C-alpha atoms as a PDB file:
ATOM      1  CA  MET A   1       0.000   0.000   0.000  1.00  0.00           C
ATOM      2  CA  GLY A   2       1.314   3.469  -0.897  1.00  0.00           C
ATOM      3  CA  ILE A   3       1.543   6.814   0.821  1.00  0.00           C
ATOM      4  CA  PHE A   4      -2.156   7.632   0.651  1.00  0.00           C
ATOM      5  CA  SER A   5      -3.159   4.656   2.729  1.00  0.00           C
ATOM      6  CA  LYS A   6      -0.660   5.770   5.358  1.00  0.00           C
ATOM      7  CA  LEU A   7      -1.781   9.405   5.269  1.00  0.00           C
ATOM      8  CA  CYS A   8      -5.501   8.887   5.038  1.00  0.00           C
ATOM      9  CA  GLY A   9      -6.084   5.460   6.484  1.00  0.00           C
ATOM     10  CA  SER A  10      -8.013   2.752   4.676  1.00  0.00           C
ATOM     11  CA  ARG A  11     -11.633   3.225   5.608  1.00  0.00           C
ATOM     12  CA  ALA A  12     -12.970   1.741   2.392  1.00  0.00           C
ATOM     13  CA  PRO A  13     -14.487  -1.693   2.861  1.00  0.00           C
ATOM     14  CA  SER A  14     -12.899  -4.513   0.916  1.00  0.00           C
ATOM     15  CA  GLY A  15     -16.237  -5.474  -0.632  1.00  0.00           C
ATOM     16  CA  SER A  16     -16.451  -7.431  -3.846  1.00  0.00           C
ATOM     17  CA  LEU A  17     -14.916  -6.490  -7.160  1.00  0.00           C
ATOM     18  CA  PRO A  18     -17.150  -4.573  -9.590  1.00  0.00           C
ATOM     19  CA  ALA A  19     -18.931  -6.516 -12.300  1.00  0.00           C
ATOM     20  CA  LEU A  20     -20.230  -5.166 -15.597  1.00  0.00           C
ATOM     21  CA  GLY A  21     -23.190  -2.925 -14.856  1.00  0.00           C
ATOM     22  CA  LYS A  22     -22.808  -3.431 -11.090  1.00  0.00           C
ATOM     23  CA  PRO A  23     -20.462  -0.810  -9.597  1.00  0.00           C
ATOM     24  CA  ILE A  24     -19.247  -1.087  -6.051  1.00  0.00           C
ATOM     25  CA  GLU A  25     -19.411   1.868  -3.691  1.00  0.00           C
ATOM     26  CA  LEU A  26     -16.780   2.921  -1.166  1.00  0.00           C
ATOM     27  CA  VAL A  27     -17.286   5.667   1.391  1.00  0.00           C
ATOM     28  CA  PRO A  28     -13.864   6.889   2.517  1.00  0.00           C
ATOM     29  CA  ILE A  29     -15.372   9.923   4.302  1.00  0.00           C
ATOM     30  CA  PRO A  30     -18.954   9.129   5.346  1.00  0.00           C
ATOM     31  CA  GLY A  31     -21.489  11.744   4.314  1.00  0.00           C
ATOM     32  CA  VAL A  32     -18.862  13.723   2.423  1.00  0.00           C
ATOM     33  CA  LEU A  33     -16.897  11.699  -0.130  1.00  0.00           C
ATOM     34  CA  THR A  34     -18.097   8.648  -2.026  1.00  0.00           C
ATOM     35  CA  VAL A  35     -16.117   6.645  -4.567  1.00  0.00           C
ATOM     36  CA  ARG A  36     -17.651   4.248  -7.096  1.00  0.00           C
ATOM     37  CA  ALA A  37     -15.781   1.622  -9.113  1.00  0.00           C
ATOM     38  CA  HIS A  38     -17.279   0.569 -12.446  1.00  0.00           C
ATOM     39  CA  ALA A  39     -16.177  -2.393 -14.567  1.00  0.00           C
ATOM     40  CA  HIS A  40     -16.557  -1.759 -18.292  1.00  0.00           C
ATOM     41  CA  ALA A  41     -15.160  -2.179 -21.776  1.00  0.00           C
ATOM     42  CA  MET A  42     -13.853   0.543 -24.100  1.00  0.00           C
ATOM     43  CA  GLN A  43     -14.413   0.750 -27.824  1.00  0.00           C
ATOM     44  CA  ASP A  44     -11.363  -0.197 -29.928  1.00  0.00           C
ATOM     45  CA  VAL A  45      -9.162  -0.784 -26.849  1.00  0.00           C
ATOM     46  CA  ASP A  46      -8.397  -4.178 -25.352  1.00  0.00           C
ATOM     47  CA  GLY A  47      -9.644  -4.389 -21.786  1.00  0.00           C
ATOM     48  CA  PRO A  48     -11.166  -5.007 -19.407  1.00  0.00           C
ATOM     49  CA  PHE A  49     -11.233  -1.712 -17.502  1.00  0.00           C
ATOM     50  CA  VAL A  50     -12.282  -0.364 -14.134  1.00  0.00           C
ATOM     51  CA  THR A  51     -13.071   3.328 -13.662  1.00  0.00           C
ATOM     52  CA  ILE A  52     -13.033   4.734 -10.138  1.00  0.00           C
ATOM     53  CA  VAL A  53     -14.874   8.065  -9.870  1.00  0.00           C
ATOM     54  CA  THR A  54     -15.518  10.483  -7.017  1.00  0.00           C
ATOM     55  CA  GLU A  55     -18.643  12.158  -5.714  1.00  0.00           C
ATOM     56  CA  GLY A  56     -18.068  14.962  -3.230  1.00  0.00           C
ATOM     57  CA  LEU A  57     -14.982  16.863  -4.383  1.00  0.00           C
ATOM     58  CA  ARG A  58     -17.124  19.668  -5.797  1.00  0.00           C
ATOM     59  CA  SER A  59     -18.203  20.576  -2.284  1.00  0.00           C
ATOM     60  CA  ARG A  60     -14.671  21.924  -1.899  1.00  0.00           C
ATOM     61  CA  GLY A  61     -14.468  23.633  -5.266  1.00  0.00           C
ATOM     62  CA  GLN A  62     -12.622  20.753  -6.898  1.00  0.00           C
ATOM     63  CA  ARG A  63     -13.863  19.103 -10.071  1.00  0.00           C
ATOM     64  CA  GLU A  64     -14.706  15.439  -9.592  1.00  0.00           C
ATOM     65  CA  ILE A  65     -11.928  13.072 -10.671  1.00  0.00           C
ATOM     66  CA  LEU A  66     -11.915   9.646 -12.248  1.00  0.00           C
ATOM     67  CA  LEU A  67      -9.114   7.172 -12.783  1.00  0.00           C
ATOM     68  CA  THR A  68      -9.535   4.468 -15.420  1.00  0.00           C
ATOM     69  CA  LEU A  69      -7.342   1.397 -15.120  1.00  0.00           C
ATOM     70  CA  ARG A  70      -6.821  -1.389 -17.610  1.00  0.00           C
ATOM     71  CA  THR A  71      -7.064  -4.436 -15.366  1.00  0.00           C
ATOM     72  CA  ARG A  72      -5.447  -7.008 -17.632  1.00  0.00           C
ATOM     73  CA  ASP A  73      -2.630  -8.708 -15.685  1.00  0.00           C
ATOM     74  CA  VAL A  74      -3.389  -6.618 -12.572  1.00  0.00           C
ATOM     75  CA  ASP A  75      -2.921  -8.399  -9.258  1.00  0.00           C
ATOM     76  CA  ASP A  76      -5.045  -7.621  -6.177  1.00  0.00           C
ATOM     77  CA  LEU A  77      -7.439  -5.209  -7.867  1.00  0.00           C
ATOM     78  CA  ALA A  78      -9.370  -4.734  -4.614  1.00  0.00           C
ATOM     79  CA  SER A  79      -6.300  -3.257  -2.912  1.00  0.00           C
ATOM     80  CA  ILE A  80      -5.656  -0.993  -5.893  1.00  0.00           C
ATOM     81  CA  ILE A  81      -9.219   0.321  -5.778  1.00  0.00           C
ATOM     82  CA  ARG A  82      -8.853   1.049  -2.066  1.00  0.00           C
ATOM     83  CA  GLU A  83      -5.571   2.884  -2.625  1.00  0.00           C
ATOM     84  CA  ILE A  84      -7.075   5.007  -5.386  1.00  0.00           C
ATOM     85  CA  SER A  85      -9.968   5.781  -3.039  1.00  0.00           C
ATOM     86  CA  ASN A  86      -7.448   6.958  -0.446  1.00  0.00           C
ATOM     87  CA  PHE A  87      -5.734   9.077  -3.103  1.00  0.00           C
ATOM     88  CA  PHE A  88      -9.055  10.826  -3.663  1.00  0.00           C
ATOM     89  CA  VAL A  89      -9.236  11.518   0.076  1.00  0.00           C
ATOM     90  CA  PHE A  90      -5.804  13.129  -0.268  1.00  0.00           C
ATOM     91  CA  VAL A  91      -7.125  15.339  -3.122  1.00  0.00           C
ATOM     92  CA  TYR A  92     -10.184  16.230  -1.031  1.00  0.00           C
ATOM     93  CA  ARG A  93      -8.047  17.376   1.877  1.00  0.00           C
ATOM     94  CA  LEU A  94      -5.749  19.398  -0.379  1.00  0.00           C
ATOM     95  CA  ALA A  95      -8.811  21.081  -1.916  1.00  0.00           C
ATOM     96  CA  GLY A  96      -9.853  22.086   1.589  1.00  0.00           C
ATOM     97  CA  GLU A  97      -6.530  23.937   1.813  1.00  0.00           C
ATOM     98  CA  GLY A  98      -7.265  25.755  -1.453  1.00  0.00           C
ATOM     99  CA  LYS A  99      -4.966  23.515  -3.497  1.00  0.00           C
ATOM    100  CA  ILE A 100      -7.173  22.821  -6.510  1.00  0.00           C
ATOM    101  CA  VAL A 101      -6.049  20.782  -9.523  1.00  0.00           C
ATOM    102  CA  ARG A 102      -7.244  21.689 -13.001  1.00  0.00           C
ATOM    103  CA  ASN A 103      -6.883  20.501 -16.559  1.00  0.00           C
ATOM    104  CA  GLY A 104      -3.182  20.473 -17.439  1.00  0.00           C
ATOM    105  CA  ASP A 105      -1.973  20.376 -13.813  1.00  0.00           C
ATOM    106  CA  PHE A 106       0.072  17.603 -12.267  1.00  0.00           C
ATOM    107  CA  THR A 107       0.945  16.182  -8.862  1.00  0.00           C
ATOM    108  CA  GLN A 108       4.348  14.744  -8.027  1.00  0.00           C
ATOM    109  CA  PHE A 109       4.735  12.304  -5.137  1.00  0.00           C
ATOM    110  CA  GLY A 110       7.701  11.432  -2.960  1.00  0.00           C
ATOM    111  CA  GLU A 111       9.468   8.180  -2.283  1.00  0.00           C
ATOM    112  CA  ARG A 112       6.183   6.448  -1.446  1.00  0.00           C
ATOM    113  CA  GLY A 113       4.144   7.117  -4.536  1.00  0.00           C
ATOM    114  CA  LEU A 114       0.855   5.901  -5.967  1.00  0.00           C
ATOM    115  CA  LEU A 115       0.087   2.282  -6.878  1.00  0.00           C
ATOM    116  CA  GLY A 116       3.392   0.941  -5.651  1.00  0.00           C
ATOM    117  CA  GLY A 117       5.469   3.530  -7.476  1.00  0.00           C
ATOM    118  CA  SER A 118       8.215   5.785  -6.138  1.00  0.00           C
ATOM    119  CA  ASN A 119       8.561   9.466  -7.060  1.00  0.00           C
ATOM    120  CA  ASN A 120       5.839   9.031  -9.657  1.00  0.00           C
ATOM    121  CA  GLY A 121       2.942  11.380 -10.303  1.00  0.00           C
ATOM    122  CA  VAL A 122      -0.443  12.124 -11.824  1.00  0.00           C
ATOM    123  CA  LEU A 123      -1.382  14.322 -14.780  1.00  0.00           C
ATOM    124  CA  TYR A 124      -4.904  15.796 -14.818  1.00  0.00           C
ATOM    125  CA  VAL A 125      -6.841  16.226 -18.067  1.00  0.00           C
ATOM    126  CA  ASP A 126     -10.448  16.729 -19.083  1.00  0.00           C
ATOM    127  CA  ALA A 127     -12.175  13.346 -19.044  1.00  0.00           C
ATOM    128  CA  ASN A 128     -14.130  11.872 -21.930  1.00  0.00           C
ATOM    129  CA  PRO A 129     -17.584  10.298 -21.589  1.00  0.00           C
ATOM    130  CA  ILE A 130     -17.544   6.551 -20.922  1.00  0.00           C
ATOM    131  CA  SER A 131     -20.319   4.388 -22.327  1.00  0.00           C
ATOM    132  CA  ASP A 132     -22.749   2.988 -19.751  1.00  0.00           C
ATOM    133  CA  ILE A 133     -21.289   5.028 -16.865  1.00  0.00           C
ATOM    134  CA  ASP A 134     -23.145   8.012 -15.457  1.00  0.00           C
ATOM    135  CA  LEU A 135     -20.269  10.442 -14.805  1.00  0.00           C
ATOM    136  CA  PRO A 136     -20.524  13.726 -12.869  1.00  0.00           C
ATOM    137  CA  PRO A 137     -20.425  16.977 -14.883  1.00  0.00           C
ATOM    138  CA  ALA A 138     -17.040  17.860 -16.409  1.00  0.00           C
ATOM    139  CA  PRO A 139     -14.798  15.479 -14.460  1.00  0.00           C
ATOM    140  CA  LEU A 140     -11.017  15.331 -14.660  1.00  0.00           C
ATOM    141  CA  ALA A 141      -9.178  12.154 -15.620  1.00  0.00           C
ATOM    142  CA  ALA A 142      -6.076  11.189 -13.631  1.00  0.00           C
ATOM    143  CA  ILE A 143      -3.192   9.734 -15.663  1.00  0.00           C
ATOM    144  CA  VAL A 144      -0.508   8.009 -13.585  1.00  0.00           C
ATOM    145  CA  VAL A 145       3.037   8.582 -14.891  1.00  0.00           C
ATOM    146  CA  GLY A 146       6.454   7.363 -13.832  1.00  0.00           C
ATOM    147  CA  PRO A 147       9.216   9.408 -12.180  1.00  0.00           C
ATOM    148  CA  ASP A 148      11.022  10.247 -15.426  1.00  0.00           C
ATOM    149  CA  GLU A 149       7.725  11.186 -17.067  1.00  0.00           C
ATOM    150  CA  ILE A 150       6.691  13.512 -14.233  1.00  0.00           C
ATOM    151  CA  ALA A 151      10.157  15.097 -14.478  1.00  0.00           C
ATOM    152  CA  LEU A 152       9.518  15.611 -18.195  1.00  0.00           C
ATOM    153  CA  ALA A 153       6.108  17.148 -17.460  1.00  0.00           C
ATOM    154  CA  ARG A 154       7.726  19.521 -14.972  1.00  0.00           C
ATOM    155  CA  ALA A 155      10.445  20.550 -17.448  1.00  0.00           C
ATOM    156  CA  SER A 156       8.425  20.782 -20.660  1.00  0.00           C
ATOM    157  CA  GLY A 157       4.738  20.631 -19.732  1.00  0.00           C
ATOM    158  CA  PRO A 158       2.396  17.649 -19.313  1.00  0.00           C
ATOM    159  CA  TYR A 159       1.175  17.693 -22.909  1.00  0.00           C
ATOM    160  CA  ARG A 160       4.575  16.612 -24.195  1.00  0.00           C
ATOM    161  CA  VAL A 161       4.149  13.433 -22.154  1.00  0.00           C
ATOM    162  CA  LEU A 162       0.513  12.981 -23.158  1.00  0.00           C
ATOM    163  CA  ALA A 163       1.216  13.383 -26.891  1.00  0.00           C
ATOM    164  CA  ARG A 164       3.862  10.678 -26.666  1.00  0.00           C
ATOM    165  CA  LEU A 165       1.359   8.421 -24.915  1.00  0.00           C
ATOM    166  CA  GLY A 166      -1.057   9.089 -27.760  1.00  0.00           C
ATOM    167  CA  GLU A 167       1.617   8.112 -30.262  1.00  0.00           C
ATOM    168  CA  HIS A 168       2.567   5.023 -28.254  1.00  0.00           C
ATOM    169  CA  TYR A 169      -1.006   3.715 -28.066  1.00  0.00           C
ATOM    170  CA  ARG A 170      -2.090   5.090 -31.467  1.00  0.00           C
ATOM    171  CA  THR A 171      -4.843   6.978 -29.667  1.00  0.00           C
ATOM    172  CA  PHE A 172      -5.704  10.585 -30.516  1.00  0.00           C
ATOM    173  CA  PRO A 173      -5.050  12.840 -28.763  1.00  0.00           C
ATOM    174  CA  PHE A 174      -3.918  10.611 -25.881  1.00  0.00           C
ATOM    175  CA  PRO A 175      -5.311   7.748 -23.794  1.00  0.00           C
ATOM    176  CA  ARG A 176      -7.305   8.751 -20.731  1.00  0.00           C
ATOM    177  CA  TRP A 177      -6.811   5.350 -19.161  1.00  0.00           C
ATOM    178  CA  ASN A 178      -3.923   3.820 -17.241  1.00  0.00           C
ATOM    179  CA  ASP A 179      -1.854   0.738 -17.955  1.00  0.00           C
ATOM    180  CA  LEU A 180       0.332  -0.243 -15.004  1.00  0.00           C
ATOM    181  CA  HIS A 181       2.579  -2.372 -17.212  1.00  0.00           C
ATOM    182  CA  ARG A 182       3.430   0.109 -19.956  1.00  0.00           C
ATOM    183  CA  SER A 183       6.941   1.312 -20.705  1.00  0.00           C
ATOM    184  CA  SER A 184       7.984   4.919 -20.115  1.00  0.00           C
ATOM    185  CA  VAL A 185       7.704   7.457 -22.916  1.00  0.00           C
ATOM    186  CA  ALA A 186      10.494   9.616 -21.452  1.00  0.00           C
ATOM    187  CA  THR A 187      14.078   9.148 -22.625  1.00  0.00           C
ATOM    188  CA  GLY A 188      16.109  10.082 -19.551  1.00  0.00           C
ATOM    189  CA  GLU A 189      19.170  12.232 -20.126  1.00  0.00           C
ATOM    190  CA  GLN A 190      18.306  12.689 -23.796  1.00  0.00           C
ATOM    191  CA  GLU A 191      15.493  15.018 -22.709  1.00  0.00           C
ATOM    192  CA  THR A 192      18.123  17.639 -21.813  1.00  0.00           C
ATOM    193  CA  THR A 193      18.599  18.316 -25.540  1.00  0.00           C
ATOM    194  CA  SER A 194      15.221  20.070 -25.602  1.00  0.00           C
ATOM    195  CA  VAL A 195      15.517  23.834 -25.983  1.00  0.00           C
ATOM    196  CA  LEU A 196      12.090  24.234 -24.374  1.00  0.00           C
ATOM    197  CA  ALA A 197      13.300  22.652 -21.141  1.00  0.00           C
ATOM    198  CA  LYS A 198      16.236  25.089 -20.905  1.00  0.00           C
ATOM    199  CA  MET A 199      14.391  28.387 -21.219  1.00  0.00           C
ATOM    200  CA  ALA A 200      12.029  30.537 -19.190  1.00  0.00           C
ATOM    201  CA  ARG A 201       8.447  29.267 -19.331  1.00  0.00           C
ATOM    202  CA  ALA A 202       5.020  30.565 -18.369  1.00  0.00           C
ATOM    203  CA  ARG A 203       1.920  28.371 -18.518  1.00  0.00           C
ATOM    204  CA  VAL A 204      -0.958  30.243 -20.140  1.00  0.00           C
ATOM    205  CA  SER A 205      -3.766  28.003 -18.918  1.00  0.00           C
ATOM    206  CA  GLY A 206      -6.563  27.151 -21.310  1.00  0.00           C
ATOM    207  CA  SER A 207      -4.998  29.042 -24.207  1.00  0.00           C
ATOM    208  CA  SER A 208      -3.838  27.375 -27.400  1.00  0.00           C
ATOM    209  CA  VAL A 209      -1.907  27.725 -30.648  1.00  0.00           C
ATOM    210  CA  VAL A 210      -3.080  26.163 -33.893  1.00  0.00           C
ATOM    211  CA  ALA A 211      -1.760  26.382 -37.466  1.00  0.00           C
ATOM    212  CA  GLU A 212      -4.047  26.161 -40.478  1.00  0.00           C
ATOM    213  CA  SER A 213      -3.570  27.179 -44.127  1.00  0.00           C
ATOM    214  CA  GLY A 214      -0.291  28.964 -43.448  1.00  0.00           C
ATOM    215  CA  HIS A 215      -1.656  30.944 -40.504  1.00  0.00           C
ATOM    216  CA  LEU A 216      -0.763  30.482 -36.837  1.00  0.00           C
ATOM    217  CA  ARG A 217      -3.290  31.682 -34.281  1.00  0.00           C
ATOM    218  CA  MET A 218      -2.884  32.002 -30.529  1.00  0.00           C
ATOM    219  CA  LEU A 219      -6.179  32.113 -28.664  1.00  0.00           C
ATOM    220  CA  VAL A 220      -5.919  33.506 -25.128  1.00  0.00           C
ATOM    221  CA  THR A 221      -8.714  32.502 -22.757  1.00  0.00           C
ATOM    222  CA  PRO A 222      -9.769  34.291 -19.573  1.00  0.00           C
ATOM    223  CA  ASP A 223      -7.825  31.730 -17.505  1.00  0.00           C
ATOM    224  CA  GLY A 224      -4.626  32.715 -19.296  1.00  0.00           C
ATOM    225  CA  ARG A 225      -4.866  36.467 -18.802  1.00  0.00           C
ATOM    226  CA  PRO A 226      -3.569  36.620 -15.217  1.00  0.00           C
ATOM    227  CA  VAL A 227      -0.427  34.714 -16.237  1.00  0.00           C
ATOM    228  CA  LEU A 228       0.311  37.168 -19.025  1.00  0.00           C
ATOM    229  CA  ARG A 229      -0.262  40.134 -16.737  1.00  0.00           C
ATOM    230  CA  LYS A 230       2.191  38.709 -14.230  1.00  0.00           C
ATOM    231  CA  LEU A 231       4.720  37.954 -16.978  1.00  0.00           C
ATOM    232  CA  LEU A 232       4.605  41.508 -18.316  1.00  0.00           C
ATOM    233  CA  GLU A 233       4.708  43.410 -15.033  1.00  0.00           C
ATOM    234  CA  PRO A 234       6.539  45.562 -14.309  1.00  0.00           C
ATOM    235  CA  SER A 235       8.209  45.137 -17.724  1.00  0.00           C
ATOM    236  CA  ALA A 236       8.256  42.688 -20.618  1.00  0.00           C
ATOM    237  CA  PRO A 237      10.788  39.824 -20.585  1.00  0.00           C
ATOM    238  CA  SER A 238      14.216  40.718 -21.934  1.00  0.00           C
ATOM    239  CA  GLU A 239      15.095  37.079 -22.680  1.00  0.00           C
ATOM    240  CA  PRO A 240      13.346  34.460 -24.827  1.00  0.00           C
ATOM    241  CA  VAL A 241      10.305  32.923 -23.149  1.00  0.00           C
ATOM    242  CA  ALA A 242       8.059  29.967 -23.953  1.00  0.00           C
ATOM    243  CA  LEU A 243       4.342  30.393 -23.393  1.00  0.00           C
ATOM    244  CA  LEU A 244       3.115  26.900 -22.498  1.00  0.00           C
ATOM    245  CA  THR A 245      -0.369  26.346 -23.906  1.00  0.00           C
ATOM    246  CA  ASP A 246      -2.985  23.624 -24.030  1.00  0.00           C
ATOM    247  CA  PRO A 247      -3.574  21.791 -27.310  1.00  0.00           C
ATOM    248  CA  ALA A 248      -6.374  23.425 -29.300  1.00  0.00           C
ATOM    249  CA  PRO A 249      -9.506  21.293 -28.796  1.00  0.00           C
ATOM    250  CA  ASP A 250     -10.646  21.789 -32.403  1.00  0.00           C
ATOM    251  CA  ALA A 251      -7.304  20.709 -33.930  1.00  0.00           C
ATOM    252  CA  ASN A 252      -7.167  17.509 -35.955  1.00  0.00           C
ATOM    253  CA  ALA A 253      -3.420  16.965 -35.552  1.00  0.00           C
ATOM    254  CA  ARG A 254      -1.038  17.337 -32.587  1.00  0.00           C
ATOM    255  CA  LEU A 255       2.708  17.711 -32.727  1.00  0.00           C
ATOM    256  CA  VAL A 256       4.864  15.100 -31.003  1.00  0.00           C
ATOM    257  CA  TRP A 257       8.548  15.609 -30.214  1.00  0.00           C
ATOM    258  CA  ARG A 258      11.257  13.235 -29.050  1.00  0.00           C
ATOM    259  CA  PRO A 259      14.994  13.826 -28.655  1.00  0.00           C
ATOM    260  CA  ARG A 260      17.050  13.313 -31.829  1.00  0.00           C
ATOM    261  CA  GLN A 261      13.953  13.702 -33.970  1.00  0.00           C
ATOM    262  CA  THR A 262      14.993  14.845 -37.454  1.00  0.00           C
ATOM    263  CA  GLU A 263      11.651  15.976 -38.870  1.00  0.00           C
ATOM    264  CA  PRO A 264       8.254  17.125 -37.572  1.00  0.00           C
ATOM    265  CA  THR A 265       5.973  14.377 -36.273  1.00  0.00           C
ATOM    266  CA  ALA A 266       2.285  14.547 -35.423  1.00  0.00           C
ATOM    267  CA  ILE A 267      -0.559  12.276 -34.420  1.00  0.00           C
ATOM    268  CA  THR A 268      -4.016  12.486 -35.993  1.00  0.00           C
ATOM    269  CA  PRO A 269      -7.394  10.823 -35.490  1.00  0.00           C
ATOM    270  CA  PRO A 270      -8.572   8.309 -38.103  1.00  0.00           C
ATOM    271  CA  GLY A 271      -9.532   9.981 -41.363  1.00  0.00           C
ATOM    272  CA  SER A 272      -7.986  13.342 -40.473  1.00  0.00           C
ATOM    273  CA  ASP A 273      -6.257  15.429 -43.117  1.00  0.00           C
ATOM    274  CA  GLY A 274      -4.088  17.093 -40.468  1.00  0.00           C
ATOM    275  CA  SER A 275      -5.119  20.542 -41.644  1.00  0.00           C
ATOM    276  CA  ARG A 276      -5.376  22.090 -38.151  1.00  0.00           C
ATOM    277  CA  MET A 277      -2.131  21.407 -36.331  1.00  0.00           C
ATOM    278  CA  THR A 278      -1.736  22.310 -32.668  1.00  0.00           C
ATOM    279  CA  GLY A 279       1.353  22.500 -30.479  1.00  0.00           C
ATOM    280  CA  ILE A 280       2.059  22.850 -26.776  1.00  0.00           C
ATOM    281  CA  PHE A 281       3.938  26.164 -26.661  1.00  0.00           C
ATOM    282  CA  LEU A 282       4.753  29.424 -28.390  1.00  0.00           C
ATOM    283  CA  LEU A 283       8.404  30.444 -28.073  1.00  0.00           C
ATOM    284  CA  VAL A 284       8.842  34.221 -28.324  1.00  0.00           C
ATOM    285  CA  THR A 285      12.222  35.801 -28.965  1.00  0.00           C
ATOM    286  CA  GLY A 286      13.655  38.925 -30.598  1.00  0.00           C
ATOM    287  CA  GLY A 287      16.902  40.025 -32.181  1.00  0.00           C
ATOM    288  CA  VAL A 288      16.218  39.133 -35.802  1.00  0.00           C
ATOM    289  CA  GLU A 289      16.085  41.360 -38.878  1.00  0.00           C
ATOM    290  CA  ARG A 290      12.884  39.916 -40.298  1.00  0.00           C
ATOM    291  CA  ASP A 291       9.860  38.477 -38.523  1.00  0.00           C
ATOM    292  CA  GLU A 292       9.551  34.730 -38.830  1.00  0.00           C
ATOM    293  CA  VAL A 293       7.178  32.015 -37.629  1.00  0.00           C
ATOM    294  CA  ARG A 294       8.457  28.465 -37.628  1.00  0.00           C
ATOM    295  CA  LEU A 295       7.551  25.045 -36.297  1.00  0.00           C
ATOM    296  CA  PHE A 296       9.860  24.138 -33.419  1.00  0.00           C
ATOM    297  CA  GLU A 297       9.981  20.818 -31.500  1.00  0.00           C
ATOM    298  CA  ASP A 298       6.300  20.211 -30.560  1.00  0.00           C
ATOM    299  CA  GLY A 299       5.361  23.885 -30.652  1.00  0.00           C
ATOM    300  CA  TYR A 300       5.973  27.067 -32.620  1.00  0.00           C
ATOM    301  CA  ALA A 301       8.635  29.761 -32.494  1.00  0.00           C
ATOM    302  CA  LEU A 302       7.992  33.448 -33.064  1.00  0.00           C
ATOM    303  CA  LEU A 303      11.238  35.209 -34.065  1.00  0.00           C
ATOM    304  CA  LEU A 304      10.637  38.952 -34.092  1.00  0.00           C
ATOM    305  CA  THR A 305      12.334  42.233 -34.844  1.00  0.00           C
ATOM    306  CA  ALA A 306      12.707  44.638 -31.945  1.00  0.00           C
ATOM    307  CA  ASP A 307       9.692  46.684 -33.107  1.00  0.00           C
ATOM    308  CA  SER A 308       7.448  43.654 -33.604  1.00  0.00           C
ATOM    309  CA  LEU A 309       8.471  42.189 -30.247  1.00  0.00           C
ATOM    310  CA  ALA A 310       7.654  45.437 -28.468  1.00  0.00           C
ATOM    311  CA  SER A 311       4.290  45.599 -30.263  1.00  0.00           C
ATOM    312  CA  LEU A 312       3.462  42.017 -29.292  1.00  0.00           C
ATOM    313  CA  TRP A 313       4.248  42.584 -25.623  1.00  0.00           C
ATOM    314  CA  GLN A 314       2.209  45.783 -25.639  1.00  0.00           C
ATOM    315  CA  ALA A 315      -0.765  44.007 -27.214  1.00  0.00           C
ATOM    316  CA  LEU A 316      -0.588  41.219 -24.629  1.00  0.00           C
ATOM    317  CA  ARG A 317      -0.286  43.757 -21.822  1.00  0.00           C
ATOM    318  CA  ASP A 318      -3.320  45.687 -23.089  1.00  0.00           C
ATOM    319  CA  GLU A 319      -5.225  42.488 -23.985  1.00  0.00           C
ATOM    320  CA  GLN A 320      -5.617  43.607 -27.573  1.00  0.00           C
ATOM    321  CA  PRO A 321      -5.514  41.693 -30.879  1.00  0.00           C
ATOM    322  CA  PHE A 322      -2.164  41.438 -32.625  1.00  0.00           C
ATOM    323  CA  SER A 323      -1.170  40.229 -36.074  1.00  0.00           C
ATOM    324  CA  LEU A 324       1.833  39.791 -38.327  1.00  0.00           C
ATOM    325  CA  ASP A 325       0.689  39.596 -41.919  1.00  0.00           C
ATOM    326  CA  ARG A 326       4.070  39.820 -43.607  1.00  0.00           C
ATOM    327  CA  CYS A 327       6.683  37.468 -42.231  1.00  0.00           C
ATOM    328  CA  ASP A 328       8.637  34.400 -43.242  1.00  0.00           C
ATOM    329  CA  GLY A 329       6.919  31.079 -42.725  1.00  0.00           C
ATOM    330  CA  MET A 330       3.359  31.510 -41.472  1.00  0.00           C
ATOM    331  CA  THR A 331       1.379  34.605 -40.649  1.00  0.00           C
ATOM    332  CA  PHE A 332       0.504  35.061 -36.990  1.00  0.00           C
ATOM    333  CA  ALA A 333      -2.279  36.514 -34.863  1.00  0.00           C
ATOM    334  CA  VAL A 334      -3.286  36.757 -31.222  1.00  0.00           C
ATOM    335  CA  GLU A 335      -7.004  36.561 -30.457  1.00  0.00           C
ATOM    336  CA  TRP A 336      -8.804  36.904 -27.134  1.00  0.00           C
ATOM    337  CA  ALA A 337     -11.650  34.695 -25.997  1.00  0.00           C
ATOM    338  CA  SER A 338     -14.565  36.561 -24.475  1.00  0.00           C
ATOM    339  CA  LEU A 339     -14.423  37.331 -20.787  1.00  0.00           C
ATOM    340  CA  ASP A 340     -17.995  36.049 -20.726  1.00  0.00           C
ATOM    341  CA  SER A 341     -16.681  32.556 -21.468  1.00  0.00           C
ATOM    342  CA  THR A 342     -17.359  30.281 -18.547  1.00  0.00           C
ATOM    343  CA  SER A 343     -14.743  27.910 -17.228  1.00  0.00           C
ATOM    344  CA  ILE A 344     -15.553  24.326 -16.294  1.00  0.00           C
ATOM    345  CA  ASN A 345     -13.056  24.436 -13.433  1.00  0.00           C
END
């Protein structure tokens, strides 16, 4: 049993294992937090699966969370379900301290990690509907990752890890289920060759970059505005900076990058023409004689003249549209989502 059993205790009854259409219910905090485990199949993915989902996190301002586990070759599933239940107690208590996790966030554990791991972690992403399971509104999915993968998420953002998982499992954009027996998608010391990991970064939550028909667009959402304000006050960055973004939800292709990669790589859903390509960051730098937009690793680079760089920073500071219509590579624009947009967080 991992750290969460030791921190939270194991109040969940052992019970029986879930059967198809017959979930089991655990009550780790009576009257406050309930956890249900559902056995199910998934279309086009070899199973079987169990999804463990919470009811009660929203009372503390935290979106409900589910964790889907492929149970093939899993020993002692009952103990695993209890440990995941205790993990949710841990999340509940953190939420009570104002520590809320959102889409694109991650948690890193210590020596005693989750599900028998050490120094591993969890990535949080928007969950997808699951057939025959009545899920709470807008839940998060928890993706368990190994220690080298959580280090990669910390250095380069969680979507670099998730895109590689999508490539590994041939699932677009990435699998929202867990396989305890999979190999790591991180490459150890080779990851240090990434330029993204070596430079200043700011995560612009909810915002995205997408390229289509020779035009690159950055859409800034209300969640991303506070980050930009903090980045630009009291003055704009003097060094190159990478704005970490979420993949655009309407894109039909996502960039994937691995060390020593010699050409751009992307994953697409079946039947896609790859016409709307999204990345996970926008690198902004100055000091060039002519504005240029180029694809770079699993994101995009904006190389700007001094005047264009100053204009971009001013537009971001004032929350105004910005465009570059005449530059090498693609054209570029910044757009702002309405402040009336509601967040699902």
